[in-house]
Amino acid sequence: MRRIVACVAVAIAATAIASPAQARERGCYEDYLRDGRTVEVYCDEGRPGRFRAVAHCTNGLGVWDQYGSLGRVRGESSVAECTSLLGNPRVNGFHVEWV
């Protein structure tokens, strides 16, 4: 049972680490704005329809995910901005969530 749990944990961690690379493989690219506090993601390929950028944020005190606006493939971009009451928030990567 412990082996199964360990394998599942490794698979989840590998997926989380590979997410930014998967976004680029699907025809998405990013632009960092506002001194690295904001990421704007454009997708030219991928599933038809909509997507959302999810920024991986940090401020030196913690880490969290910040969901962006809805974007459209071959149309609108998705913008996710890291905000925090303490510290200097920065984008430390991102992934794309298909809606």
PDB file of N, CA and C in Angstrom:
ATOM      1  N   MET A   1       0.822  -1.189   0.000  1.00  0.00           N
ATOM      2  CA  MET A   1       0.000   0.000   0.000  1.00  0.00           C
ATOM      3  C   MET A   1       0.872   1.262   0.000  1.00  0.00           C
ATOM      4  N   ARG A   2       1.964   1.248   0.769  1.00  0.00           N
ATOM      5  CA  ARG A   2       2.852   2.403   0.813  1.00  0.00           C
ATOM      6  C   ARG A   2       3.503   2.647  -0.538  1.00  0.00           C
ATOM      7  N   ARG A   3       3.820   1.570  -1.254  1.00  0.00           N
ATOM      8  CA  ARG A   3       4.424   1.726  -2.575  1.00  0.00           C
ATOM      9  C   ARG A   3       3.462   2.409  -3.539  1.00  0.00           C
ATOM     10  N   ILE A   4       2.195   2.041  -3.466  1.00  0.00           N
ATOM     11  CA  ILE A   4       1.189   2.647  -4.341  1.00  0.00           C
ATOM     12  C   ILE A   4       1.074   4.134  -4.040  1.00  0.00           C
ATOM     13  N   VAL A   5       1.002   4.485  -2.757  1.00  0.00           N
ATOM     14  CA  VAL A   5       0.893   5.887  -2.371  1.00  0.00           C
ATOM     15  C   VAL A   5       2.133   6.653  -2.824  1.00  0.00           C
ATOM     16  N   ALA A   6       3.303   6.048  -2.664  1.00  0.00           N
ATOM     17  CA  ALA A   6       4.545   6.705  -3.089  1.00  0.00           C
ATOM     18  C   ALA A   6       4.564   6.909  -4.598  1.00  0.00           C
ATOM     19  N   CYS A   7       4.118   5.930  -5.360  1.00  0.00           N
ATOM     20  CA  CYS A   7       4.080   6.054  -6.822  1.00  0.00           C
ATOM     21  C   CYS A   7       3.124   7.149  -7.258  1.00  0.00           C
ATOM     22  N   VAL A   8       1.966   7.229  -6.619  1.00  0.00           N
ATOM     23  CA  VAL A   8       0.991   8.267  -6.955  1.00  0.00           C
ATOM     24  C   VAL A   8       1.569   9.640  -6.631  1.00  0.00           C
ATOM     25  N   ALA A   9       2.237   9.768  -5.488  1.00  0.00           N
ATOM     26  CA  ALA A   9       2.836  11.048  -5.108  1.00  0.00           C
ATOM     27  C   ALA A   9       3.909  11.472  -6.110  1.00  0.00           C
ATOM     28  N   VAL A  10       4.722  10.546  -6.559  1.00  0.00           N
ATOM     29  CA  VAL A  10       5.759  10.856  -7.547  1.00  0.00           C
ATOM     30  C   VAL A  10       5.123  11.280  -8.866  1.00  0.00           C
ATOM     31  N   ALA A  11       4.068  10.612  -9.284  1.00  0.00           N
ATOM     32  CA  ALA A  11       3.388  10.954 -10.534  1.00  0.00           C
ATOM     33  C   ALA A  11       2.784  12.354 -10.468  1.00  0.00           C
ATOM     34  N   ILE A  12       2.187  12.700  -9.338  1.00  0.00           N
ATOM     35  CA  ILE A  12       1.598  14.035  -9.178  1.00  0.00           C
ATOM     36  C   ILE A  12       2.690  15.090  -9.199  1.00  0.00           C
ATOM     37  N   ALA A  13       3.786  14.852  -8.502  1.00  0.00           N
ATOM     38  CA  ALA A  13       4.894  15.806  -8.480  1.00  0.00           C
ATOM     39  C   ALA A  13       5.493  15.987  -9.876  1.00  0.00           C
ATOM     40  N   ALA A  14       5.648  14.910 -10.615  1.00  0.00           N
ATOM     41  CA  ALA A  14       6.205  14.993 -11.966  1.00  0.00           C
ATOM     42  C   ALA A  14       5.286  15.786 -12.882  1.00  0.00           C
ATOM     43  N   THR A  15       3.987  15.631 -12.726  1.00  0.00           N
ATOM     44  CA  THR A  15       3.031  16.378 -13.540  1.00  0.00           C
ATOM     45  C   THR A  15       3.100  17.854 -13.215  1.00  0.00           C
ATOM     46  N   ALA A  16       3.191  18.194 -11.936  1.00  0.00           N
ATOM     47  CA  ALA A  16       3.253  19.600 -11.539  1.00  0.00           C
ATOM     48  C   ALA A  16       4.521  20.261 -12.054  1.00  0.00           C
ATOM     49  N   ILE A  17       5.631  19.553 -12.015  1.00  0.00           N
ATOM     50  CA  ILE A  17       6.895  20.110 -12.489  1.00  0.00           C
ATOM     51  C   ILE A  17       6.873  20.256 -14.005  1.00  0.00           C
ATOM     52  N   ALA A  18       6.237  19.341 -14.717  1.00  0.00           N
ATOM     53  CA  ALA A  18       6.243  19.356 -16.176  1.00  0.00           C
ATOM     54  C   ALA A  18       5.206  20.300 -16.769  1.00  0.00           C
ATOM     55  N   SER A  19       4.337  20.876 -15.968  1.00  0.00           N
ATOM     56  CA  SER A  19       3.254  21.686 -16.505  1.00  0.00           C
ATOM     57  C   SER A  19       3.709  22.847 -17.378  1.00  0.00           C
ATOM     58  N   PRO A  20       4.699  23.676 -16.962  1.00  0.00           N
ATOM     59  CA  PRO A  20       5.101  24.760 -17.855  1.00  0.00           C
ATOM     60  C   PRO A  20       5.616  24.265 -19.198  1.00  0.00           C
ATOM     61  N   ALA A  21       6.351  23.182 -19.226  1.00  0.00           N
ATOM     62  CA  ALA A  21       6.848  22.639 -20.490  1.00  0.00           C
ATOM     63  C   ALA A  21       5.693  22.150 -21.345  1.00  0.00           C
ATOM     64  N   GLN A  22       4.692  21.551 -20.731  1.00  0.00           N
ATOM     65  CA  GLN A  22       3.541  21.082 -21.485  1.00  0.00           C
ATOM     66  C   GLN A  22       2.817  22.252 -22.128  1.00  0.00           C
ATOM     67  N   ALA A  23       2.766  23.399 -21.451  1.00  0.00           N
ATOM     68  CA  ALA A  23       2.099  24.562 -22.022  1.00  0.00           C
ATOM     69  C   ALA A  23       2.788  24.973 -23.319  1.00  0.00           C
ATOM     70  N   ARG A  24       4.111  24.976 -23.322  1.00  0.00           N
ATOM     71  CA  ARG A  24       4.841  25.358 -24.533  1.00  0.00           C
ATOM     72  C   ARG A  24       4.656  24.329 -25.632  1.00  0.00           C
ATOM     73  N   GLU A  25       4.561  23.059 -25.278  1.00  0.00           N
ATOM     74  CA  GLU A  25       4.371  22.015 -26.277  1.00  0.00           C
ATOM     75  C   GLU A  25       3.037  22.154 -26.973  1.00  0.00           C
ATOM     76  N   ARG A  26       2.061  22.701 -26.329  1.00  0.00           N
ATOM     77  CA  ARG A  26       0.739  22.839 -26.915  1.00  0.00           C
ATOM     78  C   ARG A  26       0.587  24.128 -27.706  1.00  0.00           C
ATOM     79  N   GLY A  27       1.676  24.830 -27.966  1.00  0.00           N
ATOM     80  CA  GLY A  27       1.601  26.031 -28.773  1.00  0.00           C
ATOM     81  C   GLY A  27       1.319  27.287 -27.976  1.00  0.00           C
ATOM     82  N   CYS A  28       1.630  27.282 -26.688  1.00  0.00           N
ATOM     83  CA  CYS A  28       1.436  28.460 -25.854  1.00  0.00           C
ATOM     84  C   CYS A  28       2.782  29.112 -25.569  1.00  0.00           C
ATOM     85  N   TYR A  29       2.778  30.412 -25.418  1.00  0.00           N
ATOM     86  CA  TYR A  29       3.987  31.131 -25.041  1.00  0.00           C
ATOM     87  C   TYR A  29       3.604  32.252 -24.093  1.00  0.00           C
ATOM     88  N   GLU A  30       4.591  32.722 -23.312  1.00  0.00           N
ATOM     89  CA  GLU A  30       4.303  33.664 -22.244  1.00  0.00           C
ATOM     90  C   GLU A  30       5.102  34.951 -22.400  1.00  0.00           C
ATOM     91  N   ASP A  31       4.620  35.979 -21.722  1.00  0.00           N
ATOM     92  CA  ASP A  31       5.315  37.255 -21.631  1.00  0.00           C
ATOM     93  C   ASP A  31       5.169  37.724 -20.189  1.00  0.00           C
ATOM     94  N   TYR A  32       6.292  38.012 -19.533  1.00  0.00           N
ATOM     95  CA  TYR A  32       6.257  38.459 -18.145  1.00  0.00           C
ATOM     96  C   TYR A  32       6.201  39.980 -18.102  1.00  0.00           C
ATOM     97  N   LEU A  33       5.270  40.526 -17.305  1.00  0.00           N
ATOM     98  CA  LEU A  33       5.032  41.956 -17.234  1.00  0.00           C
ATOM     99  C   LEU A  33       5.174  42.443 -15.789  1.00  0.00           C
ATOM    100  N   ARG A  34       5.209  43.753 -15.609  1.00  0.00           N
ATOM    101  CA  ARG A  34       5.219  44.396 -14.292  1.00  0.00           C
ATOM    102  C   ARG A  34       6.317  43.863 -13.383  1.00  0.00           C
ATOM    103  N   ASP A  35       7.530  43.895 -13.857  1.00  0.00           N
ATOM    104  CA  ASP A  35       8.693  43.443 -13.082  1.00  0.00           C
ATOM    105  C   ASP A  35       8.559  42.005 -12.610  1.00  0.00           C
ATOM    106  N   GLY A  36       7.954  41.154 -13.418  1.00  0.00           N
ATOM    107  CA  GLY A  36       7.842  39.737 -13.083  1.00  0.00           C
ATOM    108  C   GLY A  36       6.690  39.384 -12.167  1.00  0.00           C
ATOM    109  N   ARG A  37       5.771  40.308 -11.927  1.00  0.00           N
ATOM    110  CA  ARG A  37       4.607  40.020 -11.074  1.00  0.00           C
ATOM    111  C   ARG A  37       3.432  39.473 -11.870  1.00  0.00           C
ATOM    112  N   THR A  38       3.475  39.597 -13.186  1.00  0.00           N
ATOM    113  CA  THR A  38       2.353  39.215 -14.034  1.00  0.00           C
ATOM    114  C   THR A  38       2.855  38.369 -15.194  1.00  0.00           C
ATOM    115  N   VAL A  39       2.065  37.351 -15.559  1.00  0.00           N
ATOM    116  CA  VAL A  39       2.370  36.555 -16.742  1.00  0.00           C
ATOM    117  C   VAL A  39       1.163  36.629 -17.679  1.00  0.00           C
ATOM    118  N   GLU A  40       1.445  36.887 -18.951  1.00  0.00           N
ATOM    119  CA  GLU A  40       0.408  36.905 -19.988  1.00  0.00           C
ATOM    120  C   GLU A  40       0.703  35.746 -20.930  1.00  0.00           C
ATOM    121  N   VAL A  41      -0.280  34.863 -21.127  1.00  0.00           N
ATOM    122  CA  VAL A  41      -0.083  33.645 -21.910  1.00  0.00           C
ATOM    123  C   VAL A  41      -0.970  33.691 -23.150  1.00  0.00           C
ATOM    124  N   TYR A  42      -0.352  33.374 -24.289  1.00  0.00           N
ATOM    125  CA  TYR A  42      -1.050  33.281 -25.574  1.00  0.00           C
ATOM    126  C   TYR A  42      -0.973  31.834 -26.034  1.00  0.00           C
ATOM    127  N   CYS A  43      -2.049  31.303 -26.586  1.00  0.00           N
ATOM    128  CA  CYS A  43      -2.042  29.941 -27.129  1.00  0.00           C
ATOM    129  C   CYS A  43      -2.513  29.983 -28.578  1.00  0.00           C
ATOM    130  N   ASP A  44      -1.665  29.494 -29.472  1.00  0.00           N
ATOM    131  CA  ASP A  44      -2.009  29.425 -30.892  1.00  0.00           C
ATOM    132  C   ASP A  44      -2.486  28.038 -31.285  1.00  0.00           C
ATOM    133  N   GLU A  45      -2.175  27.041 -30.472  1.00  0.00           N
ATOM    134  CA  GLU A  45      -2.575  25.662 -30.737  1.00  0.00           C
ATOM    135  C   GLU A  45      -3.140  25.073 -29.462  1.00  0.00           C
ATOM    136  N   GLY A  46      -3.679  23.891 -29.572  1.00  0.00           N
ATOM    137  CA  GLY A  46      -4.246  23.218 -28.410  1.00  0.00           C
ATOM    138  C   GLY A  46      -5.709  22.926 -28.631  1.00  0.00           C
ATOM    139  N   ARG A  47      -6.332  22.558 -27.561  1.00  0.00           N
ATOM    140  CA  ARG A  47      -7.759  22.261 -27.663  1.00  0.00           C
ATOM    141  C   ARG A  47      -8.510  23.498 -28.142  1.00  0.00           C
ATOM    142  N   PRO A  48      -9.525  23.326 -28.921  1.00  0.00           N
ATOM    143  CA  PRO A  48     -10.320  24.497 -29.317  1.00  0.00           C
ATOM    144  C   PRO A  48     -11.071  25.029 -28.101  1.00  0.00           C
ATOM    145  N   GLY A  49     -11.232  26.305 -28.058  1.00  0.00           N
ATOM    146  CA  GLY A  49     -11.992  26.890 -26.967  1.00  0.00           C
ATOM    147  C   GLY A  49     -11.161  27.784 -26.080  1.00  0.00           C
ATOM    148  N   ARG A  50     -11.358  27.635 -24.786  1.00  0.00           N
ATOM    149  CA  ARG A  50     -10.782  28.565 -23.820  1.00  0.00           C
ATOM    150  C   ARG A  50      -9.740  27.909 -22.921  1.00  0.00           C
ATOM    151  N   PHE A  51      -8.903  28.758 -22.332  1.00  0.00           N
ATOM    152  CA  PHE A  51      -7.865  28.319 -21.403  1.00  0.00           C
ATOM    153  C   PHE A  51      -7.675  29.393 -20.348  1.00  0.00           C
ATOM    154  N   ARG A  52      -6.974  29.041 -19.288  1.00  0.00           N
ATOM    155  CA  ARG A  52      -6.681  29.980 -18.215  1.00  0.00           C
ATOM    156  C   ARG A  52      -5.226  29.793 -17.788  1.00  0.00           C
ATOM    157  N   ALA A  53      -4.483  30.877 -17.672  1.00  0.00           N
ATOM    158  CA  ALA A  53      -3.117  30.830 -17.146  1.00  0.00           C
ATOM    159  C   ALA A  53      -3.192  30.749 -15.627  1.00  0.00           C
ATOM    160  N   VAL A  54      -2.351  29.902 -15.049  1.00  0.00           N
ATOM    161  CA  VAL A  54      -2.251  29.791 -13.600  1.00  0.00           C
ATOM    162  C   VAL A  54      -0.803  30.104 -13.229  1.00  0.00           C
ATOM    163  N   ALA A  55      -0.599  31.250 -12.582  1.00  0.00           N
ATOM    164  CA  ALA A  55       0.743  31.676 -12.193  1.00  0.00           C
ATOM    165  C   ALA A  55       1.136  30.998 -10.886  1.00  0.00           C
ATOM    166  N   HIS A  56       2.377  30.527 -10.812  1.00  0.00           N
ATOM    167  CA  HIS A  56       2.939  29.994  -9.577  1.00  0.00           C
ATOM    168  C   HIS A  56       3.663  31.163  -8.917  1.00  0.00           C
ATOM    169  N   CYS A  57       3.121  31.658  -7.804  1.00  0.00           N
ATOM    170  CA  CYS A  57       3.603  32.882  -7.179  1.00  0.00           C
ATOM    171  C   CYS A  57       4.416  32.595  -5.916  1.00  0.00           C
ATOM    172  N   THR A  58       5.321  33.525  -5.599  1.00  0.00           N
ATOM    173  CA  THR A  58       6.095  33.479  -4.366  1.00  0.00           C
ATOM    174  C   THR A  58       6.395  34.908  -3.930  1.00  0.00           C
ATOM    175  N   ASN A  59       6.529  35.110  -2.611  1.00  0.00           N
ATOM    176  CA  ASN A  59       6.909  36.412  -2.083  1.00  0.00           C
ATOM    177  C   ASN A  59       8.049  36.297  -1.069  1.00  0.00           C
ATOM    178  N   GLY A  60       8.705  35.154  -1.033  1.00  0.00           N
ATOM    179  CA  GLY A  60       9.767  34.925  -0.076  1.00  0.00           C
ATOM    180  C   GLY A  60       9.266  34.363   1.238  1.00  0.00           C
ATOM    181  N   LEU A  61       7.971  34.453   1.475  1.00  0.00           N
ATOM    182  CA  LEU A  61       7.363  33.940   2.703  1.00  0.00           C
ATOM    183  C   LEU A  61       6.511  32.706   2.448  1.00  0.00           C
ATOM    184  N   GLY A  62       6.070  32.522   1.215  1.00  0.00           N
ATOM    185  CA  GLY A  62       5.217  31.386   0.868  1.00  0.00           C
ATOM    186  C   GLY A  62       5.057  31.278  -0.635  1.00  0.00           C
ATOM    187  N   VAL A  63       4.349  30.236  -1.050  1.00  0.00           N
ATOM    188  CA  VAL A  63       4.052  30.014  -2.463  1.00  0.00           C
ATOM    189  C   VAL A  63       2.561  29.753  -2.618  1.00  0.00           C
ATOM    190  N   TRP A  64       1.994  30.151  -3.750  1.00  0.00           N
ATOM    191  CA  TRP A  64       0.583  29.943  -4.028  1.00  0.00           C
ATOM    192  C   TRP A  64       0.352  30.043  -5.520  1.00  0.00           C
ATOM    193  N   ASP A  65      -0.833  29.616  -5.959  1.00  0.00           N
ATOM    194  CA  ASP A  65      -1.246  29.723  -7.361  1.00  0.00           C
ATOM    195  C   ASP A  65      -2.241  30.860  -7.493  1.00  0.00           C
ATOM    196  N   GLN A  66      -2.105  31.625  -8.558  1.00  0.00           N
ATOM    197  CA  GLN A  66      -3.028  32.716  -8.849  1.00  0.00           C
ATOM    198  C   GLN A  66      -3.631  32.473 -10.222  1.00  0.00           C
ATOM    199  N   TYR A  67      -4.951  32.306 -10.288  1.00  0.00           N
ATOM    200  CA  TYR A  67      -5.641  32.036 -11.544  1.00  0.00           C
ATOM    201  C   TYR A  67      -5.855  33.325 -12.324  1.00  0.00           C
ATOM    202  N   GLY A  68      -5.667  33.236 -13.628  1.00  0.00           N
ATOM    203  CA  GLY A  68      -5.800  34.397 -14.491  1.00  0.00           C
ATOM    204  C   GLY A  68      -7.160  34.465 -15.171  1.00  0.00           C
ATOM    205  N   SER A  69      -7.274  35.421 -16.066  1.00  0.00           N
ATOM    206  CA  SER A  69      -8.502  35.607 -16.835  1.00  0.00           C
ATOM    207  C   SER A  69      -8.639  34.494 -17.874  1.00  0.00           C
ATOM    208  N   LEU A  70      -9.817  34.372 -18.436  1.00  0.00           N
ATOM    209  CA  LEU A  70     -10.033  33.380 -19.495  1.00  0.00           C
ATOM    210  C   LEU A  70      -9.478  33.904 -20.808  1.00  0.00           C
ATOM    211  N   GLY A  71      -8.783  33.044 -21.527  1.00  0.00           N
ATOM    212  CA  GLY A  71      -8.269  33.378 -22.844  1.00  0.00           C
ATOM    213  C   GLY A  71      -8.895  32.472 -23.890  1.00  0.00           C
ATOM    214  N   ARG A  72      -8.721  32.815 -25.132  1.00  0.00           N
ATOM    215  CA  ARG A  72      -9.263  32.024 -26.227  1.00  0.00           C
ATOM    216  C   ARG A  72      -8.133  31.625 -27.168  1.00  0.00           C
ATOM    217  N   VAL A  73      -8.112  30.356 -27.571  1.00  0.00           N
ATOM    218  CA  VAL A  73      -7.082  29.865 -28.490  1.00  0.00           C
ATOM    219  C   VAL A  73      -7.154  30.668 -29.785  1.00  0.00           C
ATOM    220  N   ARG A  74      -5.985  31.118 -30.260  1.00  0.00           N
ATOM    221  CA  ARG A  74      -5.867  31.951 -31.452  1.00  0.00           C
ATOM    222  C   ARG A  74      -6.704  33.224 -31.349  1.00  0.00           C
ATOM    223  N   GLY A  75      -6.800  33.770 -30.140  1.00  0.00           N
ATOM    224  CA  GLY A  75      -7.588  34.985 -29.952  1.00  0.00           C
ATOM    225  C   GLY A  75      -7.072  35.794 -28.780  1.00  0.00           C
ATOM    226  N   GLU A  76      -7.737  35.682 -27.650  1.00  0.00           N
ATOM    227  CA  GLU A  76      -7.415  36.474 -26.471  1.00  0.00           C
ATOM    228  C   GLU A  76      -6.364  35.784 -25.606  1.00  0.00           C
ATOM    229  N   SER A  77      -5.555  36.585 -24.937  1.00  0.00           N
ATOM    230  CA  SER A  77      -4.573  36.047 -23.998  1.00  0.00           C
ATOM    231  C   SER A  77      -5.212  35.904 -22.620  1.00  0.00           C
ATOM    232  N   SER A  78      -4.544  35.176 -21.744  1.00  0.00           N
ATOM    233  CA  SER A  78      -4.942  35.044 -20.342  1.00  0.00           C
ATOM    234  C   SER A  78      -3.872  35.705 -19.498  1.00  0.00           C
ATOM    235  N   VAL A  79      -4.279  36.548 -18.545  1.00  0.00           N
ATOM    236  CA  VAL A  79      -3.343  37.288 -17.705  1.00  0.00           C
ATOM    237  C   VAL A  79      -3.554  36.895 -16.245  1.00  0.00           C
ATOM    238  N   ALA A  80      -2.469  36.466 -15.593  1.00  0.00           N
ATOM    239  CA  ALA A  80      -2.498  36.135 -14.169  1.00  0.00           C
ATOM    240  C   ALA A  80      -1.491  37.019 -13.451  1.00  0.00           C
ATOM    241  N   GLU A  81      -1.924  37.684 -12.381  1.00  0.00           N
ATOM    242  CA  GLU A  81      -1.070  38.599 -11.635  1.00  0.00           C
ATOM    243  C   GLU A  81      -0.918  38.124 -10.199  1.00  0.00           C
ATOM    244  N   CYS A  82       0.318  38.076  -9.736  1.00  0.00           N
ATOM    245  CA  CYS A  82       0.605  37.695  -8.351  1.00  0.00           C
ATOM    246  C   CYS A  82       0.420  38.916  -7.461  1.00  0.00           C
ATOM    247  N   THR A  83      -0.418  38.789  -6.453  1.00  0.00           N
ATOM    248  CA  THR A  83      -0.636  39.863  -5.495  1.00  0.00           C
ATOM    249  C   THR A  83      -0.419  39.324  -4.087  1.00  0.00           C
ATOM    250  N   SER A  84       0.075  40.194  -3.203  1.00  0.00           N
ATOM    251  CA  SER A  84       0.363  39.789  -1.833  1.00  0.00           C
ATOM    252  C   SER A  84       0.365  41.023  -0.949  1.00  0.00           C
ATOM    253  N   LEU A  85      -0.087  40.868   0.289  1.00  0.00           N
ATOM    254  CA  LEU A  85      -0.042  41.968   1.242  1.00  0.00           C
ATOM    255  C   LEU A  85       1.358  42.133   1.838  1.00  0.00           C
ATOM    256  N   LEU A  86       2.127  41.066   1.871  1.00  0.00           N
ATOM    257  CA  LEU A  86       3.477  41.082   2.437  1.00  0.00           C
ATOM    258  C   LEU A  86       4.493  40.676   1.382  1.00  0.00           C
ATOM    259  N   GLY A  87       5.681  41.240   1.471  1.00  0.00           N
ATOM    260  CA  GLY A  87       6.757  40.850   0.567  1.00  0.00           C
ATOM    261  C   GLY A  87       6.572  41.389  -0.840  1.00  0.00           C
ATOM    262  N   ASN A  88       7.440  40.953  -1.727  1.00  0.00           N
ATOM    263  CA  ASN A  88       7.418  41.361  -3.124  1.00  0.00           C
ATOM    264  C   ASN A  88       6.991  40.159  -3.968  1.00  0.00           C
ATOM    265  N   PRO A  89       5.716  40.089  -4.388  1.00  0.00           N
ATOM    266  CA  PRO A  89       5.263  38.915  -5.142  1.00  0.00           C
ATOM    267  C   PRO A  89       5.896  38.835  -6.526  1.00  0.00           C
ATOM    268  N   ARG A  90       6.214  37.615  -6.941  1.00  0.00           N
ATOM    269  CA  ARG A  90       6.816  37.368  -8.250  1.00  0.00           C
ATOM    270  C   ARG A  90       6.257  36.083  -8.835  1.00  0.00           C
ATOM    271  N   VAL A  91       6.232  36.003 -10.150  1.00  0.00           N
ATOM    272  CA  VAL A  91       5.830  34.787 -10.853  1.00  0.00           C
ATOM    273  C   VAL A  91       7.029  33.848 -10.888  1.00  0.00           C
ATOM    274  N   ASN A  92       6.816  32.614 -10.437  1.00  0.00           N
ATOM    275  CA  ASN A  92       7.879  31.606 -10.414  1.00  0.00           C
ATOM    276  C   ASN A  92       7.488  30.433 -11.312  1.00  0.00           C
ATOM    277  N   GLY A  93       6.894  30.728 -12.470  1.00  0.00           N
ATOM    278  CA  GLY A  93       6.428  29.705 -13.403  1.00  0.00           C
ATOM    279  C   GLY A  93       4.923  29.801 -13.595  1.00  0.00           C
ATOM    280  N   PHE A  94       4.420  28.962 -14.464  1.00  0.00           N
ATOM    281  CA  PHE A  94       2.982  28.958 -14.747  1.00  0.00           C
ATOM    282  C   PHE A  94       2.609  27.635 -15.394  1.00  0.00           C
ATOM    283  N   HIS A  95       1.320  27.375 -15.467  1.00  0.00           N
ATOM    284  CA  HIS A  95       0.811  26.304 -16.308  1.00  0.00           C
ATOM    285  C   HIS A  95      -0.517  26.753 -16.890  1.00  0.00           C
ATOM    286  N   VAL A  96      -0.982  26.024 -17.892  1.00  0.00           N
ATOM    287  CA  VAL A  96      -2.237  26.366 -18.571  1.00  0.00           C
ATOM    288  C   VAL A  96      -3.304  25.356 -18.158  1.00  0.00           C
ATOM    289  N   GLU A  97      -4.453  25.873 -17.787  1.00  0.00           N
ATOM    290  CA  GLU A  97      -5.601  25.043 -17.441  1.00  0.00           C
ATOM    291  C   GLU A  97      -6.630  25.205 -18.568  1.00  0.00           C
ATOM    292  N   TRP A  98      -6.967  24.096 -19.202  1.00  0.00           N
ATOM    293  CA  TRP A  98      -7.915  24.133 -20.325  1.00  0.00           C
ATOM    294  C   TRP A  98      -9.327  24.089 -19.779  1.00  0.00           C
ATOM    295  N   VAL A  99     -10.169  25.010 -20.255  1.00  0.00           N
ATOM    296  CA  VAL A  99     -11.538  25.140 -19.745  1.00  0.00           C
ATOM    297  C   VAL A  99     -12.514  24.617 -20.776  1.00  0.00           C
TER     298      VAL A  99
END
